[in-house]
Amino acid sequence: MHKKSFAAYYYQLKLRYGSFLPFVMGCFVFFLVFLYGLFIYMHVEGWGFLDSFYQVVITLSTVGFTETHELSETGRLLTSTLILLGVGTFAYLVGAFTQFLVEGKIQDVWGRRKVQKIIDTLQDHFIVCGYGRIGSVVTREIMADGWPIVVIESDPAQVDKLKGKEVLTIEGDATSDEVLMAAGLDRARGLIACLNQVAENVYVTLTARQTNPGIYIVARADKEGSVQKLMMAGANKALTPHMIGGLRMAQMALRPTVTDFLELAQQGEELQMEEIVIQKGSGLVGKDLIASGIRPRFNLIIIAIRKVSGRMIFNPGPREVLEEGDVMVGIGKYENFERFAQQIRKT
């Protein structure tokens, strides 16, 4: 494991405390000043702990009580520096806390910590990096499908929008390792990198693949030449939005009925298109499609099977044998998929 830099620790503190961080740091500095005072009186003046503690308290509080013992010239000089440091630090604390109250940040800090606690409990969720035109659509679709999601966004205005929609959000730079880990990268099911810069998407993809080798990554490219770079960085899929949009419009013009059918299946109104993974120990392992009873019992149509080797079988025959790790693509009603999923869990 690599050693964390001071900047990394500072960013973690900033992520945790937000606008309250200046006050926390001020308290820490004040504590150091107090220790400095104890050092003066215990080691320079040779006093005991209680006398030194009392002298530091009356010095920093500037109440003007009589000194516990006679001070040497060195002690007086160091006491003067202690007073200056103490007064300066205390003034900073008062200013930081006042600003915190005036700006009304208390609720924001508690809200941030509450969100982080919820994120820390997530498993098998999705992470969306960037909430722009692409990211907002991705977020909406994933949430509509019922999956837990965490959005990483650096624009405060967009973050406020997400809070209004009750979306789990981390305000920060998605290329930061600390931010990605705060989003639960090591426990996530998938990551969608849709930042504006390809270089940023490449970095996010590299980090995600190294941190969580099993995660499914979809990355946004700005041109066809960037697709290969993102795939080499570890993305499972790399797409250019303008290319997808152009192809979709062409299909609508050339094959409107097919496009309407696919939209109907994707929107999940009457029909739904879903993936069904054959897990280890499933009762379907070793059975063919007829023996599985998927069509007669659950009224689901299997239109394709992706084998473990990656080979895709379209319109599989009734004698196609199912194996562990196969992914079936089916069409049917939502409630039928639910019944089938429950049956798989039982077996």
Protein backbone atom coordinates (compact mmCIF):
# COMPACT_ATOMS: atom_id res chain seq x y z
CA MET A 1 0.00 0.00 0.00
CA HIS A 2 1.25 3.46 -0.87
CA LYS A 3 1.81 6.02 1.84
CA LYS A 4 -0.74 8.83 1.94
CA SER A 5 0.52 12.35 1.46
CA PHE A 6 -0.37 15.29 3.68
CA ALA A 7 -2.58 16.60 0.87
CA ALA A 8 -4.51 13.32 0.85
CA TYR A 9 -5.10 13.48 4.60
CA TYR A 10 -6.13 17.12 4.33
CA TYR A 11 -8.62 16.31 1.57
CA GLN A 12 -10.14 13.52 3.67
CA LEU A 13 -10.58 15.98 6.54
CA LYS A 14 -12.12 18.53 4.18
CA LEU A 15 -14.48 15.92 2.82
CA ARG A 16 -15.53 14.93 6.32
CA TYR A 17 -15.85 18.33 8.01
CA GLY A 18 -16.48 20.64 5.04
CA SER A 19 -16.80 24.31 6.08
CA PHE A 20 -16.23 23.32 9.71
CA LEU A 21 -12.62 22.32 8.96
CA PRO A 22 -11.08 25.80 9.68
CA PHE A 23 -12.54 25.71 13.18
CA VAL A 24 -11.30 22.14 13.75
CA MET A 25 -7.81 23.11 12.58
CA GLY A 26 -7.92 26.19 14.82
CA CYS A 27 -8.70 23.98 17.83
CA PHE A 28 -5.77 21.75 16.92
CA VAL A 29 -3.40 24.74 16.68
CA PHE A 30 -4.68 26.06 20.02
CA PHE A 31 -3.91 22.67 21.55
CA LEU A 32 -0.35 22.87 20.17
CA VAL A 33 0.02 26.37 21.65
CA PHE A 34 -1.09 24.99 25.02
CA LEU A 35 1.54 22.24 24.80
CA TYR A 36 4.11 24.89 23.92
CA GLY A 37 3.18 26.74 27.12
CA LEU A 38 3.60 23.59 29.20
CA PHE A 39 7.02 23.07 27.65
CA ILE A 40 8.08 26.60 28.60
CA TYR A 41 7.20 26.31 32.27
CA MET A 42 8.10 22.65 32.83
CA HIS A 43 11.38 22.44 30.92
CA VAL A 44 12.64 26.02 30.73
CA GLU A 45 11.50 27.18 34.18
CA GLY A 46 11.59 23.75 35.84
CA TRP A 47 8.11 23.95 37.40
CA GLY A 48 5.80 21.02 38.17
CA PHE A 49 2.91 20.02 35.94
CA LEU A 50 0.11 21.61 38.00
CA ASP A 51 1.92 24.94 38.38
CA SER A 52 2.75 24.93 34.66
CA PHE A 53 -0.81 24.03 33.69
CA TYR A 54 -2.23 26.83 35.86
CA GLN A 55 0.25 29.36 34.48
CA VAL A 56 -0.62 28.43 30.86
CA VAL A 57 -4.35 28.82 31.61
CA ILE A 58 -4.04 32.27 33.19
CA THR A 59 -1.62 33.37 30.45
CA LEU A 60 -3.79 32.30 27.52
CA SER A 61 -6.97 33.60 29.15
CA THR A 62 -5.23 36.97 29.83
CA VAL A 63 -7.03 37.31 33.19
CA GLY A 64 -4.02 39.06 34.71
CA PHE A 65 -3.53 36.91 37.83
CA THR A 66 -0.17 36.92 39.62
CA GLU A 67 2.48 34.57 38.25
CA THR A 68 2.80 31.26 40.07
CA HIS A 69 6.59 31.68 40.46
CA GLU A 70 9.10 34.33 39.54
CA LEU A 71 9.98 34.08 35.85
CA SER A 72 13.47 34.24 34.41
CA GLU A 73 14.26 36.61 31.55
CA THR A 74 14.04 33.71 29.10
CA GLY A 75 10.73 32.68 30.66
CA ARG A 76 9.32 36.18 30.27
CA LEU A 77 10.38 36.31 26.63
CA LEU A 78 8.81 32.93 25.88
CA THR A 79 5.68 33.88 27.82
CA SER A 80 5.34 36.92 25.57
CA THR A 81 5.41 34.69 22.49
CA LEU A 82 2.88 32.40 24.18
CA ILE A 83 0.50 35.33 24.74
CA LEU A 84 0.81 36.47 21.12
CA LEU A 85 0.25 32.97 19.78
CA GLY A 86 -2.66 32.34 22.14
CA VAL A 87 -4.45 35.60 21.39
CA GLY A 88 -3.94 35.17 17.63
CA THR A 89 -5.19 31.59 17.64
CA PHE A 90 -8.20 32.45 19.79
CA ALA A 91 -9.11 35.33 17.48
CA TYR A 92 -8.88 32.96 14.51
CA LEU A 93 -11.14 30.45 16.29
CA VAL A 94 -13.76 33.09 17.03
CA GLY A 95 -13.68 34.31 13.43
CA ALA A 96 -13.91 30.80 11.95
CA PHE A 97 -16.80 29.81 14.19
CA THR A 98 -18.65 33.08 13.60
CA GLN A 99 -18.31 32.69 9.84
CA PHE A 100 -19.51 29.12 10.12
CA LEU A 101 -22.64 30.23 11.99
CA VAL A 102 -23.34 33.25 9.78
CA GLU A 103 -23.15 31.20 6.59
CA GLY A 104 -25.48 28.61 8.09
CA LYS A 105 -23.16 25.68 7.43
CA ILE A 106 -24.00 23.52 10.45
CA GLN A 107 -26.83 21.75 8.65
CA ASP A 108 -24.62 21.26 5.60
CA VAL A 109 -21.89 19.55 7.63
CA TRP A 110 -24.29 17.22 9.39
CA GLY A 111 -25.94 16.46 6.06
CA ARG A 112 -22.56 15.67 4.49
CA ARG A 113 -21.64 13.29 7.30
CA LYS A 114 -25.05 11.64 7.14
CA VAL A 115 -24.67 11.07 3.39
CA GLN A 116 -21.19 9.60 3.88
CA LYS A 117 -22.50 7.18 6.51
CA ILE A 118 -25.16 5.98 4.06
CA ILE A 119 -22.59 5.58 1.27
CA ASP A 120 -20.36 3.57 3.61
CA THR A 121 -23.15 0.97 3.93
CA LEU A 122 -23.68 0.54 0.17
CA GLN A 123 -22.74 -2.64 -1.66
CA ASP A 124 -23.08 -3.46 -5.36
CA HIS A 125 -23.98 0.13 -6.28
CA PHE A 126 -23.17 2.36 -9.26
CA ILE A 127 -20.91 5.41 -9.32
CA VAL A 128 -21.48 8.20 -11.84
CA CYS A 129 -18.60 10.62 -12.34
CA GLY A 130 -19.89 13.94 -13.65
CA TYR A 131 -23.47 15.21 -13.63
CA GLY A 132 -23.57 17.06 -16.92
CA ARG A 133 -25.90 16.41 -19.86
CA ILE A 134 -24.76 12.79 -20.14
CA GLY A 135 -24.36 12.09 -16.43
CA SER A 136 -27.81 13.41 -15.56
CA VAL A 137 -29.46 11.03 -18.04
CA VAL A 138 -27.34 8.11 -16.81
CA THR A 139 -28.27 8.88 -13.20
CA ARG A 140 -31.96 9.12 -14.00
CA GLU A 141 -32.02 5.79 -15.85
CA ILE A 142 -30.08 3.87 -13.20
CA MET A 143 -32.28 5.23 -10.42
CA ALA A 144 -35.41 4.38 -12.42
CA ASP A 145 -34.18 0.79 -12.53
CA GLY A 146 -33.97 0.72 -8.74
CA TRP A 147 -30.19 0.53 -8.28
CA PRO A 148 -28.37 2.46 -5.54
CA ILE A 149 -26.19 5.20 -7.00
CA VAL A 150 -23.54 7.71 -5.91
CA VAL A 151 -22.79 10.77 -8.03
CA ILE A 152 -19.44 12.59 -7.91
CA GLU A 153 -19.71 16.21 -9.04
CA SER A 154 -17.41 19.22 -8.57
CA ASP A 155 -19.86 21.99 -9.54
CA PRO A 156 -21.61 23.32 -6.37
CA ALA A 157 -24.67 24.36 -8.42
CA GLN A 158 -25.12 20.83 -9.75
CA VAL A 159 -24.55 19.40 -6.28
CA ASP A 160 -27.41 21.55 -4.95
CA LYS A 161 -29.66 20.19 -7.71
CA LEU A 162 -28.77 16.63 -6.77
CA LYS A 163 -29.47 17.28 -3.09
CA GLY A 164 -32.91 18.54 -4.07
CA LYS A 165 -33.51 15.23 -5.85
CA GLU A 166 -32.24 13.27 -2.81
CA VAL A 167 -29.41 11.68 -4.79
CA LEU A 168 -26.38 10.51 -2.80
CA THR A 169 -23.72 12.98 -3.88
CA ILE A 170 -20.07 13.66 -3.12
CA GLU A 171 -18.83 17.13 -3.98
CA GLY A 172 -15.27 16.81 -5.24
CA ASP A 173 -12.89 15.93 -8.04
CA ALA A 174 -13.65 12.49 -9.50
CA THR A 175 -9.98 12.05 -10.46
CA SER A 176 -9.02 12.08 -6.77
CA ASP A 177 -8.40 8.62 -5.31
CA GLU A 178 -9.80 9.76 -1.96
CA VAL A 179 -13.06 10.94 -3.52
CA LEU A 180 -13.50 7.69 -5.44
CA MET A 181 -12.88 5.65 -2.30
CA ALA A 182 -15.36 7.82 -0.39
CA ALA A 183 -17.91 6.87 -3.05
CA GLY A 184 -17.30 3.18 -2.23
CA LEU A 185 -15.32 2.30 -5.36
CA ASP A 186 -14.01 -0.93 -3.84
CA ARG A 187 -17.59 -2.16 -3.25
CA ALA A 188 -19.28 -0.82 -6.40
CA ARG A 189 -20.94 -2.87 -9.12
CA GLY A 190 -20.30 -0.40 -11.92
CA LEU A 191 -18.80 2.99 -12.73
CA ILE A 192 -19.79 5.41 -15.48
CA ALA A 193 -17.10 7.97 -16.31
CA CYS A 194 -18.81 10.82 -18.16
CA LEU A 195 -16.55 13.75 -17.39
CA ASN A 196 -15.93 16.40 -20.04
CA GLN A 197 -12.22 15.68 -20.55
CA VAL A 198 -11.08 12.33 -21.99
CA ALA A 199 -7.87 12.48 -19.92
CA GLU A 200 -9.98 12.65 -16.76
CA ASN A 201 -12.09 9.68 -17.87
CA VAL A 202 -8.92 7.70 -18.63
CA TYR A 203 -7.53 8.41 -15.14
CA VAL A 204 -10.82 7.50 -13.46
CA THR A 205 -10.96 4.28 -15.48
CA LEU A 206 -7.39 3.33 -14.57
CA THR A 207 -8.00 3.98 -10.87
CA ALA A 208 -11.28 2.08 -10.86
CA ARG A 209 -9.83 -0.95 -12.63
CA GLN A 210 -6.82 -1.13 -10.28
CA THR A 211 -8.92 -0.66 -7.15
CA ASN A 212 -11.78 -2.97 -8.10
CA PRO A 213 -10.79 -5.45 -10.84
CA GLY A 214 -14.32 -6.85 -11.07
CA ILE A 215 -16.13 -3.55 -11.59
CA TYR A 216 -17.95 -2.87 -14.88
CA ILE A 217 -16.78 0.43 -16.39
CA VAL A 218 -18.48 2.49 -19.07
CA ALA A 219 -16.54 5.57 -20.19
CA ARG A 220 -17.36 8.56 -22.35
CA ALA A 221 -15.11 9.37 -25.31
CA ASP A 222 -15.07 12.64 -27.21
CA LYS A 223 -14.07 11.07 -30.54
CA GLU A 224 -13.55 7.65 -32.07
CA GLY A 225 -9.79 7.82 -31.53
CA SER A 226 -10.30 8.06 -27.77
CA VAL A 227 -12.31 4.85 -27.57
CA GLN A 228 -9.22 2.64 -27.87
CA LYS A 229 -7.40 4.60 -25.15
CA LEU A 230 -10.26 4.13 -22.73
CA MET A 231 -10.51 0.42 -23.53
CA MET A 232 -6.77 0.02 -22.93
CA ALA A 233 -7.16 1.86 -19.62
CA GLY A 234 -9.62 -0.79 -18.48
CA ALA A 235 -13.08 0.29 -19.63
CA ASN A 236 -15.50 -2.49 -20.55
CA LYS A 237 -17.26 -0.12 -22.92
CA ALA A 238 -16.22 3.25 -24.33
CA LEU A 239 -18.77 5.31 -26.23
CA THR A 240 -19.01 8.62 -28.05
CA PRO A 241 -22.38 10.30 -27.32
CA HIS A 242 -22.62 12.00 -30.72
CA MET A 243 -21.99 8.69 -32.50
CA ILE A 244 -24.69 6.93 -30.46
CA GLY A 245 -27.11 9.77 -31.11
CA GLY A 246 -26.42 9.71 -34.84
CA LEU A 247 -26.86 5.93 -35.11
CA ARG A 248 -30.08 6.08 -33.09
CA MET A 249 -31.55 8.76 -35.34
CA ALA A 250 -30.59 6.78 -38.44
CA GLN A 251 -32.26 3.63 -37.03
CA MET A 252 -35.41 5.62 -36.25
CA ALA A 253 -35.58 6.74 -39.86
CA LEU A 254 -34.71 3.36 -41.40
CA ARG A 255 -36.42 0.93 -39.00
CA PRO A 256 -39.04 2.85 -36.98
CA THR A 257 -40.98 -0.23 -35.83
CA VAL A 258 -37.86 -2.00 -34.56
CA THR A 259 -36.79 1.18 -32.77
CA ASP A 260 -40.22 1.54 -31.15
CA PHE A 261 -40.03 -2.06 -29.93
CA LEU A 262 -36.57 -1.59 -28.42
CA GLU A 263 -37.66 1.64 -26.73
CA LEU A 264 -40.68 -0.13 -25.28
CA ALA A 265 -38.46 -2.88 -23.86
CA GLN A 266 -35.91 -0.43 -22.48
CA GLN A 267 -38.45 1.88 -20.87
CA GLY A 268 -40.00 -1.05 -19.02
CA GLU A 269 -43.64 -0.04 -19.45
CA GLU A 270 -45.30 -3.20 -20.82
CA LEU A 271 -42.19 -5.15 -21.70
CA GLN A 272 -38.76 -5.18 -20.14
CA MET A 273 -35.40 -6.38 -21.39
CA GLU A 274 -33.18 -7.82 -18.67
CA GLU A 275 -29.95 -9.74 -18.07
CA ILE A 276 -30.08 -13.00 -16.12
CA VAL A 277 -26.77 -14.28 -14.77
CA ILE A 278 -26.41 -18.01 -14.09
CA GLN A 279 -24.75 -18.01 -10.68
CA LYS A 280 -22.62 -20.73 -9.12
CA GLY A 281 -24.79 -23.44 -7.57
CA SER A 282 -27.90 -22.41 -9.51
CA GLY A 283 -30.37 -25.16 -10.38
CA LEU A 284 -30.21 -24.03 -14.00
CA VAL A 285 -26.57 -25.10 -14.43
CA GLY A 286 -26.36 -28.08 -16.79
CA LYS A 287 -29.95 -27.75 -18.02
CA ASP A 288 -31.02 -26.80 -21.52
CA LEU A 289 -33.61 -24.09 -22.18
CA ILE A 290 -36.47 -26.60 -22.41
CA ALA A 291 -35.61 -28.24 -19.09
CA SER A 292 -35.19 -24.85 -17.41
CA GLY A 293 -38.89 -24.09 -17.93
CA ILE A 294 -38.18 -20.39 -18.36
CA ARG A 295 -40.69 -19.87 -21.19
CA PRO A 296 -43.70 -21.95 -19.98
CA ARG A 297 -43.35 -21.20 -16.24
CA PHE A 298 -42.37 -17.53 -16.31
CA ASN A 299 -43.41 -16.41 -19.81
CA LEU A 300 -39.95 -15.00 -20.53
CA ILE A 301 -38.37 -15.11 -23.98
CA ILE A 302 -34.60 -15.67 -24.11
CA ILE A 303 -33.29 -13.86 -27.18
CA ALA A 304 -29.55 -14.25 -26.58
CA ILE A 305 -26.96 -15.92 -24.34
CA ARG A 306 -23.46 -14.64 -23.74
CA LYS A 307 -21.25 -17.58 -22.82
CA VAL A 308 -18.43 -17.36 -20.28
CA SER A 309 -15.97 -17.34 -23.19
CA GLY A 310 -17.57 -14.12 -24.45
CA ARG A 311 -19.26 -15.76 -27.44
CA MET A 312 -22.73 -14.38 -28.08
CA ILE A 313 -25.49 -16.77 -29.17
CA PHE A 314 -28.49 -15.03 -30.74
CA ASN A 315 -31.88 -16.76 -30.76
CA PRO A 316 -30.54 -19.82 -28.86
CA GLY A 317 -32.11 -23.18 -29.64
CA PRO A 318 -34.17 -25.14 -27.09
CA ARG A 319 -31.31 -27.59 -26.53
CA GLU A 320 -28.77 -24.89 -25.64
CA VAL A 321 -27.21 -25.95 -22.31
CA LEU A 322 -26.81 -23.32 -19.61
CA GLU A 323 -23.47 -23.05 -17.82
CA GLU A 324 -22.24 -21.24 -14.74
CA GLY A 325 -21.41 -17.63 -15.59
CA ASP A 326 -23.63 -17.48 -18.69
CA VAL A 327 -25.65 -14.29 -19.12
CA MET A 328 -29.09 -14.66 -20.68
CA VAL A 329 -30.85 -11.70 -22.30
CA GLY A 330 -34.59 -12.00 -21.87
CA ILE A 331 -37.75 -10.09 -22.73
CA GLY A 332 -40.89 -10.18 -20.62
CA LYS A 333 -42.94 -8.39 -18.01
CA TYR A 334 -41.37 -6.98 -14.87
CA GLU A 335 -43.39 -9.18 -12.51
CA ASN A 336 -42.32 -12.29 -14.41
CA PHE A 337 -38.66 -11.33 -14.05
CA GLU A 338 -39.27 -10.83 -10.32
CA ARG A 339 -40.83 -14.30 -9.96
CA PHE A 340 -37.97 -15.84 -11.90
CA ALA A 341 -35.36 -14.05 -9.75
CA GLN A 342 -37.05 -15.30 -6.58
CA GLN A 343 -37.08 -18.85 -7.93
CA ILE A 344 -33.36 -18.67 -8.77
CA ARG A 345 -32.56 -17.47 -5.23
CA LYS A 346 -34.47 -20.42 -3.77
CA THR A 347 -32.53 -22.93 -5.84
